[in-house]
Amino acid sequence: MGKLVIAITILLALSGCVSQPDTQAKAKTASFSATEHMLLQTSNHAKLIKLYKDELAKGESPELRVKLIEQYILSDDIESASFQLQSLDRRYLEGAHGQFLSAQVSYRKALYQEALEHGKQSLALNQNQPETHNLMGLTYAELKQFHQARYHFYQARRYYYDDIIVKNNLAVIDLILGDYQAAVSRLRPIYINGQADEKVMVNLAMAHANLGQFDQVKQLLEGQYSHEQIELIYHGLRTVSATKVQLSDLSISESEARNAAVAQLGGAL
């Protein structure tokens, strides 16, 4: 009986020795995952970058490096994203998502032909990538190849990309081509349903202004601007050349509104 007790004690001791490091590892993994989840929920790109860099310093992980690159892109640090891409494992870099990341970096560097090549390679590996199709649409729009741009925006929607982003991007092409009624038809329902963000509001205002619909522009902007400011915005939007519509993130300020609010594409990253 005594030998049995001693044997059980030894086994428990050995079990403890084996499981303690494993338990510590699991605890560290859980702590990392919880921190990552919290930072992702708050879109804290700076702290996510530090989190991933600290982990990578302990050992290489292609998955973590991909996450680091994504955070650099989201924080507009394209130089760092490009640098990290060079260190990404070749298997990941040549895969569908790696090519998408390369396309994003090239697009943000205004290397549009290069972005298209990476985007095409990504889609050749996996067609079911709404983000890649949307990026291809943005890239073709930058090159004024609107037929191809529309095709990829519709493909992005086919694969369940955000409807509002796609409709807004298609409406920008309508604006560039001077089809203001088509832009209104795309964007007005979004506004009526209370889903319009700032990009949609400005693009819809531009479409109404170029159709000579001051009352609709006033309806969109009253509460944010005075009557005098709305008149300035209205006349400014009517004088903006369709060729000057820019394909970048919208950031409208009062001074920009006075000089003419410029509608822009969005939803690339």
C-alpha atoms as a PDB file:
ATOM      1  CA  MET A   1       0.000   0.000   0.000  1.00  0.00           C
ATOM      2  CA  GLY A   2       2.809   2.352   0.930  1.00  0.00           C
ATOM      3  CA  LYS A   3       4.560   1.676  -2.387  1.00  0.00           C
ATOM      4  CA  LEU A   4       1.332   2.493  -4.226  1.00  0.00           C
ATOM      5  CA  VAL A   5       1.055   5.848  -2.452  1.00  0.00           C
ATOM      6  CA  ILE A   6       4.695   6.652  -3.283  1.00  0.00           C
ATOM      7  CA  ALA A   7       4.154   5.702  -6.942  1.00  0.00           C
ATOM      8  CA  ILE A   8       1.053   7.882  -7.204  1.00  0.00           C
ATOM      9  CA  THR A   9       2.909  10.777  -5.558  1.00  0.00           C
ATOM     10  CA  ILE A  10       5.771  10.470  -8.035  1.00  0.00           C
ATOM     11  CA  LEU A  11       3.368  10.344 -10.986  1.00  0.00           C
ATOM     12  CA  LEU A  12       1.546  13.458  -9.787  1.00  0.00           C
ATOM     13  CA  ALA A  13       4.828  15.263  -9.317  1.00  0.00           C
ATOM     14  CA  LEU A  14       5.977  14.329 -12.813  1.00  0.00           C
ATOM     15  CA  SER A  15       2.602  15.365 -14.227  1.00  0.00           C
ATOM     16  CA  GLY A  16       2.973  18.740 -12.546  1.00  0.00           C
ATOM     17  CA  CYS A  17       6.427  19.211 -14.028  1.00  0.00           C
ATOM     18  CA  VAL A  18       5.155  18.459 -17.506  1.00  0.00           C
ATOM     19  CA  SER A  19       1.953  20.486 -17.354  1.00  0.00           C
ATOM     20  CA  GLN A  20       3.295  23.669 -15.717  1.00  0.00           C
ATOM     21  CA  PRO A  21       5.141  25.005 -18.813  1.00  0.00           C
ATOM     22  CA  ASP A  22       2.204  23.964 -20.959  1.00  0.00           C
ATOM     23  CA  THR A  23      -0.178  25.847 -18.676  1.00  0.00           C
ATOM     24  CA  GLN A  24       2.046  28.928 -18.756  1.00  0.00           C
ATOM     25  CA  ALA A  25       2.174  28.803 -22.561  1.00  0.00           C
ATOM     26  CA  LYS A  26      -1.602  28.556 -22.769  1.00  0.00           C
ATOM     27  CA  ALA A  27      -1.948  31.470 -20.352  1.00  0.00           C
ATOM     28  CA  LYS A  28       0.384  33.620 -22.474  1.00  0.00           C
ATOM     29  CA  THR A  29      -1.540  32.704 -25.635  1.00  0.00           C
ATOM     30  CA  ALA A  30      -4.838  33.568 -23.965  1.00  0.00           C
ATOM     31  CA  SER A  31      -3.419  36.874 -22.727  1.00  0.00           C
ATOM     32  CA  PHE A  32      -2.142  37.740 -26.216  1.00  0.00           C
ATOM     33  CA  SER A  33      -5.471  36.831 -27.844  1.00  0.00           C
ATOM     34  CA  ALA A  34      -7.452  38.871 -25.320  1.00  0.00           C
ATOM     35  CA  THR A  35      -5.207  41.913 -25.795  1.00  0.00           C
ATOM     36  CA  GLU A  36      -5.345  41.566 -29.568  1.00  0.00           C
ATOM     37  CA  HIS A  37      -9.146  41.281 -29.553  1.00  0.00           C
ATOM     38  CA  MET A  38      -9.525  44.397 -27.395  1.00  0.00           C
ATOM     39  CA  LEU A  39      -7.179  46.444 -29.596  1.00  0.00           C
ATOM     40  CA  LEU A  40      -8.890  45.247 -32.780  1.00  0.00           C
ATOM     41  CA  GLN A  41     -12.268  46.241 -31.358  1.00  0.00           C
ATOM     42  CA  THR A  42     -10.991  49.777 -30.741  1.00  0.00           C
ATOM     43  CA  SER A  43      -8.942  49.945 -33.990  1.00  0.00           C
ATOM     44  CA  ASN A  44      -5.852  50.886 -32.002  1.00  0.00           C
ATOM     45  CA  HIS A  45      -3.375  50.440 -34.834  1.00  0.00           C
ATOM     46  CA  ALA A  46      -0.356  51.822 -32.953  1.00  0.00           C
ATOM     47  CA  LYS A  47      -0.707  49.378 -30.055  1.00  0.00           C
ATOM     48  CA  LEU A  48      -1.472  46.469 -32.389  1.00  0.00           C
ATOM     49  CA  ILE A  49       1.723  47.234 -34.295  1.00  0.00           C
ATOM     50  CA  LYS A  50       3.695  47.165 -31.030  1.00  0.00           C
ATOM     51  CA  LEU A  51       1.961  43.965 -29.939  1.00  0.00           C
ATOM     52  CA  TYR A  52       2.833  42.170 -33.173  1.00  0.00           C
ATOM     53  CA  LYS A  53       6.409  43.489 -33.243  1.00  0.00           C
ATOM     54  CA  ASP A  54       6.992  42.344 -29.663  1.00  0.00           C
ATOM     55  CA  GLU A  55       5.744  38.860 -30.539  1.00  0.00           C
ATOM     56  CA  LEU A  56       7.797  38.695 -33.737  1.00  0.00           C
ATOM     57  CA  ALA A  57      10.902  39.641 -31.751  1.00  0.00           C
ATOM     58  CA  LYS A  58      10.432  36.363 -29.835  1.00  0.00           C
ATOM     59  CA  GLY A  59      10.259  34.280 -33.013  1.00  0.00           C
ATOM     60  CA  GLU A  60       9.244  34.489 -36.667  1.00  0.00           C
ATOM     61  CA  SER A  61       5.597  33.907 -37.557  1.00  0.00           C
ATOM     62  CA  PRO A  62       4.338  34.588 -41.092  1.00  0.00           C
ATOM     63  CA  GLU A  63       0.795  34.922 -39.757  1.00  0.00           C
ATOM     64  CA  LEU A  64       1.858  37.648 -37.303  1.00  0.00           C
ATOM     65  CA  ARG A  65       3.918  39.434 -39.960  1.00  0.00           C
ATOM     66  CA  VAL A  66       0.858  39.527 -42.215  1.00  0.00           C
ATOM     67  CA  LYS A  67      -1.131  41.079 -39.368  1.00  0.00           C
ATOM     68  CA  LEU A  68       1.667  43.610 -38.817  1.00  0.00           C
ATOM     69  CA  ILE A  69       1.619  44.582 -42.499  1.00  0.00           C
ATOM     70  CA  GLU A  70      -2.154  44.978 -42.408  1.00  0.00           C
ATOM     71  CA  GLN A  71      -1.928  47.321 -39.419  1.00  0.00           C
ATOM     72  CA  TYR A  72       0.775  49.417 -41.092  1.00  0.00           C
ATOM     73  CA  ILE A  73      -1.499  49.790 -44.131  1.00  0.00           C
ATOM     74  CA  LEU A  74      -4.467  50.751 -41.952  1.00  0.00           C
ATOM     75  CA  SER A  75      -2.332  53.342 -40.165  1.00  0.00           C
ATOM     76  CA  ASP A  76      -1.158  54.801 -43.512  1.00  0.00           C
ATOM     77  CA  ASP A  77       2.477  53.826 -42.885  1.00  0.00           C
ATOM     78  CA  ILE A  78       3.013  52.431 -46.357  1.00  0.00           C
ATOM     79  CA  GLU A  79       6.802  52.617 -46.173  1.00  0.00           C
ATOM     80  CA  SER A  80       6.819  50.276 -43.159  1.00  0.00           C
ATOM     81  CA  ALA A  81       4.255  47.981 -44.800  1.00  0.00           C
ATOM     82  CA  SER A  82       6.452  47.766 -47.879  1.00  0.00           C
ATOM     83  CA  PHE A  83       9.523  47.040 -45.741  1.00  0.00           C
ATOM     84  CA  GLN A  84       7.748  44.239 -43.861  1.00  0.00           C
ATOM     85  CA  LEU A  85       6.516  42.713 -47.127  1.00  0.00           C
ATOM     86  CA  GLN A  86      10.143  42.115 -48.086  1.00  0.00           C
ATOM     87  CA  SER A  87      10.573  39.943 -44.978  1.00  0.00           C
ATOM     88  CA  LEU A  88       7.401  37.924 -45.505  1.00  0.00           C
ATOM     89  CA  ASP A  89       7.852  34.218 -46.139  1.00  0.00           C
ATOM     90  CA  ARG A  90       7.858  33.572 -49.900  1.00  0.00           C
ATOM     91  CA  ARG A  91       5.021  31.036 -49.671  1.00  0.00           C
ATOM     92  CA  TYR A  92       2.766  33.642 -48.072  1.00  0.00           C
ATOM     93  CA  LEU A  93       3.949  36.448 -50.340  1.00  0.00           C
ATOM     94  CA  GLU A  94       3.098  34.449 -53.453  1.00  0.00           C
ATOM     95  CA  GLY A  95      -0.282  33.356 -52.099  1.00  0.00           C
ATOM     96  CA  ALA A  96      -3.610  35.067 -52.757  1.00  0.00           C
ATOM     97  CA  HIS A  97      -3.546  37.196 -49.602  1.00  0.00           C
ATOM     98  CA  GLY A  98       0.133  38.052 -49.987  1.00  0.00           C
ATOM     99  CA  GLN A  99      -0.516  39.317 -53.502  1.00  0.00           C
ATOM    100  CA  PHE A 100      -3.485  41.317 -52.207  1.00  0.00           C
ATOM    101  CA  LEU A 101      -1.235  42.977 -49.612  1.00  0.00           C
ATOM    102  CA  SER A 102       1.309  43.756 -52.344  1.00  0.00           C
ATOM    103  CA  ALA A 103      -1.482  45.240 -54.470  1.00  0.00           C
ATOM    104  CA  GLN A 104      -2.594  47.429 -51.568  1.00  0.00           C
ATOM    105  CA  VAL A 105       0.920  48.757 -51.010  1.00  0.00           C
ATOM    106  CA  SER A 106       1.426  49.430 -54.734  1.00  0.00           C
ATOM    107  CA  TYR A 107      -1.958  51.186 -54.942  1.00  0.00           C
ATOM    108  CA  ARG A 108      -1.113  53.428 -51.997  1.00  0.00           C
ATOM    109  CA  LYS A 109       2.200  54.278 -53.689  1.00  0.00           C
ATOM    110  CA  ALA A 110       0.237  55.258 -56.826  1.00  0.00           C
ATOM    111  CA  LEU A 111       1.929  52.416 -58.732  1.00  0.00           C
ATOM    112  CA  TYR A 112      -1.332  51.461 -60.381  1.00  0.00           C
ATOM    113  CA  GLN A 113      -0.093  49.095 -63.088  1.00  0.00           C
ATOM    114  CA  GLU A 114       1.920  47.225 -60.477  1.00  0.00           C
ATOM    115  CA  ALA A 115      -1.151  47.092 -58.240  1.00  0.00           C
ATOM    116  CA  LEU A 116      -3.166  45.600 -61.095  1.00  0.00           C
ATOM    117  CA  GLU A 117      -0.589  42.886 -61.663  1.00  0.00           C
ATOM    118  CA  HIS A 118      -0.608  41.861 -58.012  1.00  0.00           C
ATOM    119  CA  GLY A 119      -4.410  42.024 -57.939  1.00  0.00           C
ATOM    120  CA  LYS A 120      -4.704  39.810 -61.016  1.00  0.00           C
ATOM    121  CA  GLN A 121      -2.325  37.249 -59.516  1.00  0.00           C
ATOM    122  CA  SER A 122      -4.311  37.267 -56.285  1.00  0.00           C
ATOM    123  CA  LEU A 123      -7.612  36.703 -58.088  1.00  0.00           C
ATOM    124  CA  ALA A 124      -6.069  34.005 -60.279  1.00  0.00           C
ATOM    125  CA  LEU A 125      -5.419  32.081 -57.067  1.00  0.00           C
ATOM    126  CA  ASN A 126      -8.810  32.828 -55.528  1.00  0.00           C
ATOM    127  CA  GLN A 127     -11.689  34.649 -57.252  1.00  0.00           C
ATOM    128  CA  ASN A 128     -13.766  34.790 -54.067  1.00  0.00           C
ATOM    129  CA  GLN A 129     -12.051  37.877 -52.653  1.00  0.00           C
ATOM    130  CA  PRO A 130     -14.375  40.892 -52.429  1.00  0.00           C
ATOM    131  CA  GLU A 131     -11.652  43.161 -50.999  1.00  0.00           C
ATOM    132  CA  THR A 132      -9.361  42.407 -53.920  1.00  0.00           C
ATOM    133  CA  HIS A 133     -12.120  43.064 -56.450  1.00  0.00           C
ATOM    134  CA  ASN A 134     -12.896  46.390 -54.776  1.00  0.00           C
ATOM    135  CA  LEU A 135      -9.214  47.347 -54.858  1.00  0.00           C
ATOM    136  CA  MET A 136      -9.043  46.413 -58.544  1.00  0.00           C
ATOM    137  CA  GLY A 137     -12.059  48.638 -59.148  1.00  0.00           C
ATOM    138  CA  LEU A 138     -10.374  51.556 -57.382  1.00  0.00           C
ATOM    139  CA  THR A 139      -7.182  50.989 -59.341  1.00  0.00           C
ATOM    140  CA  TYR A 140      -8.922  50.861 -62.722  1.00  0.00           C
ATOM    141  CA  ALA A 141     -10.857  54.000 -61.767  1.00  0.00           C
ATOM    142  CA  GLU A 142      -7.564  55.789 -61.071  1.00  0.00           C
ATOM    143  CA  LEU A 143      -6.479  54.793 -64.577  1.00  0.00           C
ATOM    144  CA  LYS A 144      -9.813  56.089 -65.973  1.00  0.00           C
ATOM    145  CA  GLN A 145     -10.683  52.601 -67.199  1.00  0.00           C
ATOM    146  CA  PHE A 146     -14.249  52.793 -65.969  1.00  0.00           C
ATOM    147  CA  HIS A 147     -15.660  49.720 -67.692  1.00  0.00           C
ATOM    148  CA  GLN A 148     -13.146  47.486 -65.901  1.00  0.00           C
ATOM    149  CA  ALA A 149     -13.653  49.435 -62.681  1.00  0.00           C
ATOM    150  CA  ARG A 150     -17.402  48.812 -62.761  1.00  0.00           C
ATOM    151  CA  TYR A 151     -16.882  45.138 -63.491  1.00  0.00           C
ATOM    152  CA  HIS A 152     -14.735  44.669 -60.399  1.00  0.00           C
ATOM    153  CA  PHE A 153     -17.043  46.712 -58.170  1.00  0.00           C
ATOM    154  CA  TYR A 154     -19.910  44.464 -59.232  1.00  0.00           C
ATOM    155  CA  GLN A 155     -17.733  41.413 -58.583  1.00  0.00           C
ATOM    156  CA  ALA A 156     -16.943  42.759 -55.116  1.00  0.00           C
ATOM    157  CA  ARG A 157     -20.672  43.027 -54.468  1.00  0.00           C
ATOM    158  CA  ARG A 158     -21.267  39.567 -55.871  1.00  0.00           C
ATOM    159  CA  TYR A 159     -18.881  38.215 -53.238  1.00  0.00           C
ATOM    160  CA  TYR A 160     -20.683  40.134 -50.481  1.00  0.00           C
ATOM    161  CA  TYR A 161     -18.551  43.247 -50.089  1.00  0.00           C
ATOM    162  CA  ASP A 162     -20.256  46.117 -48.258  1.00  0.00           C
ATOM    163  CA  ASP A 163     -23.192  47.273 -50.437  1.00  0.00           C
ATOM    164  CA  ILE A 164     -22.894  50.911 -49.379  1.00  0.00           C
ATOM    165  CA  ILE A 165     -19.205  51.108 -50.263  1.00  0.00           C
ATOM    166  CA  VAL A 166     -19.815  49.493 -53.651  1.00  0.00           C
ATOM    167  CA  LYS A 167     -22.778  51.748 -54.456  1.00  0.00           C
ATOM    168  CA  ASN A 168     -20.786  54.821 -53.473  1.00  0.00           C
ATOM    169  CA  ASN A 169     -17.852  53.765 -55.645  1.00  0.00           C
ATOM    170  CA  LEU A 170     -20.163  53.144 -58.601  1.00  0.00           C
ATOM    171  CA  ALA A 171     -21.804  56.523 -57.988  1.00  0.00           C
ATOM    172  CA  VAL A 172     -18.411  58.236 -58.166  1.00  0.00           C
ATOM    173  CA  ILE A 173     -17.941  56.782 -61.641  1.00  0.00           C
ATOM    174  CA  ASP A 174     -21.401  58.111 -62.531  1.00  0.00           C
ATOM    175  CA  LEU A 175     -20.305  61.551 -61.303  1.00  0.00           C
ATOM    176  CA  ILE A 176     -17.078  61.456 -63.295  1.00  0.00           C
ATOM    177  CA  LEU A 177     -19.025  60.524 -66.428  1.00  0.00           C
ATOM    178  CA  GLY A 178     -21.632  63.219 -65.758  1.00  0.00           C
ATOM    179  CA  ASP A 179     -24.516  60.804 -65.162  1.00  0.00           C
ATOM    180  CA  TYR A 180     -25.813  62.660 -62.106  1.00  0.00           C
ATOM    181  CA  GLN A 181     -29.263  61.079 -62.109  1.00  0.00           C
ATOM    182  CA  ALA A 182     -27.724  57.610 -61.940  1.00  0.00           C
ATOM    183  CA  ALA A 183     -25.642  58.724 -58.954  1.00  0.00           C
ATOM    184  CA  VAL A 184     -28.782  60.029 -57.223  1.00  0.00           C
ATOM    185  CA  SER A 185     -30.602  56.766 -57.911  1.00  0.00           C
ATOM    186  CA  ARG A 186     -27.771  54.804 -56.287  1.00  0.00           C
ATOM    187  CA  LEU A 187     -27.224  57.034 -53.267  1.00  0.00           C
ATOM    188  CA  ARG A 188     -30.630  58.502 -52.393  1.00  0.00           C
ATOM    189  CA  PRO A 189     -32.019  55.227 -50.940  1.00  0.00           C
ATOM    190  CA  ILE A 190     -28.933  54.953 -48.699  1.00  0.00           C
ATOM    191  CA  TYR A 191     -29.627  58.445 -47.353  1.00  0.00           C
ATOM    192  CA  ILE A 192     -33.357  57.776 -46.872  1.00  0.00           C
ATOM    193  CA  ASN A 193     -32.544  54.601 -44.922  1.00  0.00           C
ATOM    194  CA  GLY A 194     -30.254  56.547 -42.596  1.00  0.00           C
ATOM    195  CA  GLN A 195     -27.129  54.674 -43.720  1.00  0.00           C
ATOM    196  CA  ALA A 196     -25.287  57.508 -45.462  1.00  0.00           C
ATOM    197  CA  ASP A 197     -21.789  58.295 -44.219  1.00  0.00           C
ATOM    198  CA  GLU A 198     -19.903  61.490 -45.063  1.00  0.00           C
ATOM    199  CA  LYS A 199     -18.665  60.185 -48.403  1.00  0.00           C
ATOM    200  CA  VAL A 200     -22.191  59.289 -49.514  1.00  0.00           C
ATOM    201  CA  MET A 201     -23.571  62.639 -48.328  1.00  0.00           C
ATOM    202  CA  VAL A 202     -21.014  64.673 -50.273  1.00  0.00           C
ATOM    203  CA  ASN A 203     -21.377  62.600 -53.437  1.00  0.00           C
ATOM    204  CA  LEU A 204     -25.173  62.802 -53.241  1.00  0.00           C
ATOM    205  CA  ALA A 205     -24.961  66.555 -52.691  1.00  0.00           C
ATOM    206  CA  MET A 206     -22.736  66.872 -55.757  1.00  0.00           C
ATOM    207  CA  ALA A 207     -25.193  64.878 -57.877  1.00  0.00           C
ATOM    208  CA  HIS A 208     -28.178  66.974 -56.739  1.00  0.00           C
ATOM    209  CA  ALA A 209     -26.244  70.215 -57.235  1.00  0.00           C
ATOM    210  CA  ASN A 210     -25.319  69.337 -60.788  1.00  0.00           C
ATOM    211  CA  LEU A 211     -28.975  68.560 -61.486  1.00  0.00           C
ATOM    212  CA  GLY A 212     -29.826  72.055 -60.233  1.00  0.00           C
ATOM    213  CA  GLN A 213     -31.672  70.690 -57.186  1.00  0.00           C
ATOM    214  CA  PHE A 214     -30.842  73.247 -54.481  1.00  0.00           C
ATOM    215  CA  ASP A 215     -33.650  72.149 -52.145  1.00  0.00           C
ATOM    216  CA  GLN A 216     -32.304  68.602 -52.012  1.00  0.00           C
ATOM    217  CA  VAL A 217     -28.788  69.872 -51.289  1.00  0.00           C
ATOM    218  CA  LYS A 218     -30.189  72.077 -48.528  1.00  0.00           C
ATOM    219  CA  GLN A 219     -32.036  69.092 -47.050  1.00  0.00           C
ATOM    220  CA  LEU A 220     -28.804  67.122 -46.922  1.00  0.00           C
ATOM    221  CA  LEU A 221     -26.710  69.854 -45.308  1.00  0.00           C
ATOM    222  CA  GLU A 222     -28.998  71.908 -43.101  1.00  0.00           C
ATOM    223  CA  GLY A 223     -28.181  71.479 -39.446  1.00  0.00           C
ATOM    224  CA  GLN A 224     -24.480  71.253 -40.283  1.00  0.00           C
ATOM    225  CA  TYR A 225     -24.046  74.524 -42.176  1.00  0.00           C
ATOM    226  CA  SER A 226     -25.702  77.928 -42.291  1.00  0.00           C
ATOM    227  CA  HIS A 227     -27.887  78.896 -45.255  1.00  0.00           C
ATOM    228  CA  GLU A 228     -25.061  81.062 -46.621  1.00  0.00           C
ATOM    229  CA  GLN A 229     -22.576  78.192 -46.366  1.00  0.00           C
ATOM    230  CA  ILE A 230     -24.991  75.813 -48.076  1.00  0.00           C
ATOM    231  CA  GLU A 231     -25.323  78.256 -50.982  1.00  0.00           C
ATOM    232  CA  LEU A 232     -21.525  78.400 -51.257  1.00  0.00           C
ATOM    233  CA  ILE A 233     -21.312  74.611 -51.216  1.00  0.00           C
ATOM    234  CA  TYR A 234     -24.108  74.313 -53.780  1.00  0.00           C
ATOM    235  CA  HIS A 235     -22.486  76.694 -56.256  1.00  0.00           C
ATOM    236  CA  GLY A 236     -19.057  75.196 -55.580  1.00  0.00           C
ATOM    237  CA  LEU A 237     -20.280  71.688 -56.326  1.00  0.00           C
ATOM    238  CA  ARG A 238     -21.853  72.878 -59.575  1.00  0.00           C
ATOM    239  CA  THR A 239     -18.532  74.311 -60.740  1.00  0.00           C
ATOM    240  CA  VAL A 240     -16.425  71.278 -59.889  1.00  0.00           C
ATOM    241  CA  SER A 241     -15.311  69.589 -63.087  1.00  0.00           C
ATOM    242  CA  ALA A 242     -16.092  65.893 -63.231  1.00  0.00           C
ATOM    243  CA  THR A 243     -12.439  65.289 -64.123  1.00  0.00           C
ATOM    244  CA  LYS A 244     -11.427  66.728 -60.747  1.00  0.00           C
ATOM    245  CA  VAL A 245     -13.311  64.155 -58.726  1.00  0.00           C
ATOM    246  CA  GLN A 246     -10.588  62.509 -56.680  1.00  0.00           C
ATOM    247  CA  LEU A 247     -10.349  58.845 -55.820  1.00  0.00           C
ATOM    248  CA  SER A 248      -9.236  58.963 -52.196  1.00  0.00           C
ATOM    249  CA  ASP A 249     -10.605  59.115 -48.672  1.00  0.00           C
ATOM    250  CA  LEU A 250     -13.047  61.939 -48.041  1.00  0.00           C
ATOM    251  CA  SER A 251     -12.196  64.595 -45.509  1.00  0.00           C
ATOM    252  CA  ILE A 252     -14.433  67.606 -45.884  1.00  0.00           C
ATOM    253  CA  SER A 253     -13.870  70.704 -43.783  1.00  0.00           C
ATOM    254  CA  GLU A 254     -15.696  74.026 -43.768  1.00  0.00           C
ATOM    255  CA  SER A 255     -12.975  75.636 -45.878  1.00  0.00           C
ATOM    256  CA  GLU A 256     -13.129  72.798 -48.374  1.00  0.00           C
ATOM    257  CA  ALA A 257     -16.897  73.122 -48.475  1.00  0.00           C
ATOM    258  CA  ARG A 258     -16.562  76.820 -49.221  1.00  0.00           C
ATOM    259  CA  ASN A 259     -14.155  76.116 -52.082  1.00  0.00           C
ATOM    260  CA  ALA A 260     -16.334  73.176 -53.332  1.00  0.00           C
ATOM    261  CA  ALA A 261     -16.813  69.810 -51.707  1.00  0.00           C
ATOM    262  CA  VAL A 262     -15.190  67.131 -53.817  1.00  0.00           C
ATOM    263  CA  ALA A 263     -16.770  63.663 -53.878  1.00  0.00           C
ATOM    264  CA  GLN A 264     -14.383  60.778 -53.557  1.00  0.00           C
ATOM    265  CA  LEU A 265     -14.165  56.997 -53.683  1.00  0.00           C
ATOM    266  CA  GLY A 266     -13.657  54.949 -50.554  1.00  0.00           C
ATOM    267  CA  GLY A 267     -13.441  51.476 -49.047  1.00  0.00           C
ATOM    268  CA  ALA A 268     -10.148  50.349 -50.460  1.00  0.00           C
ATOM    269  CA  LEU A 269      -8.417  48.949 -47.163  1.00  0.00           C
END
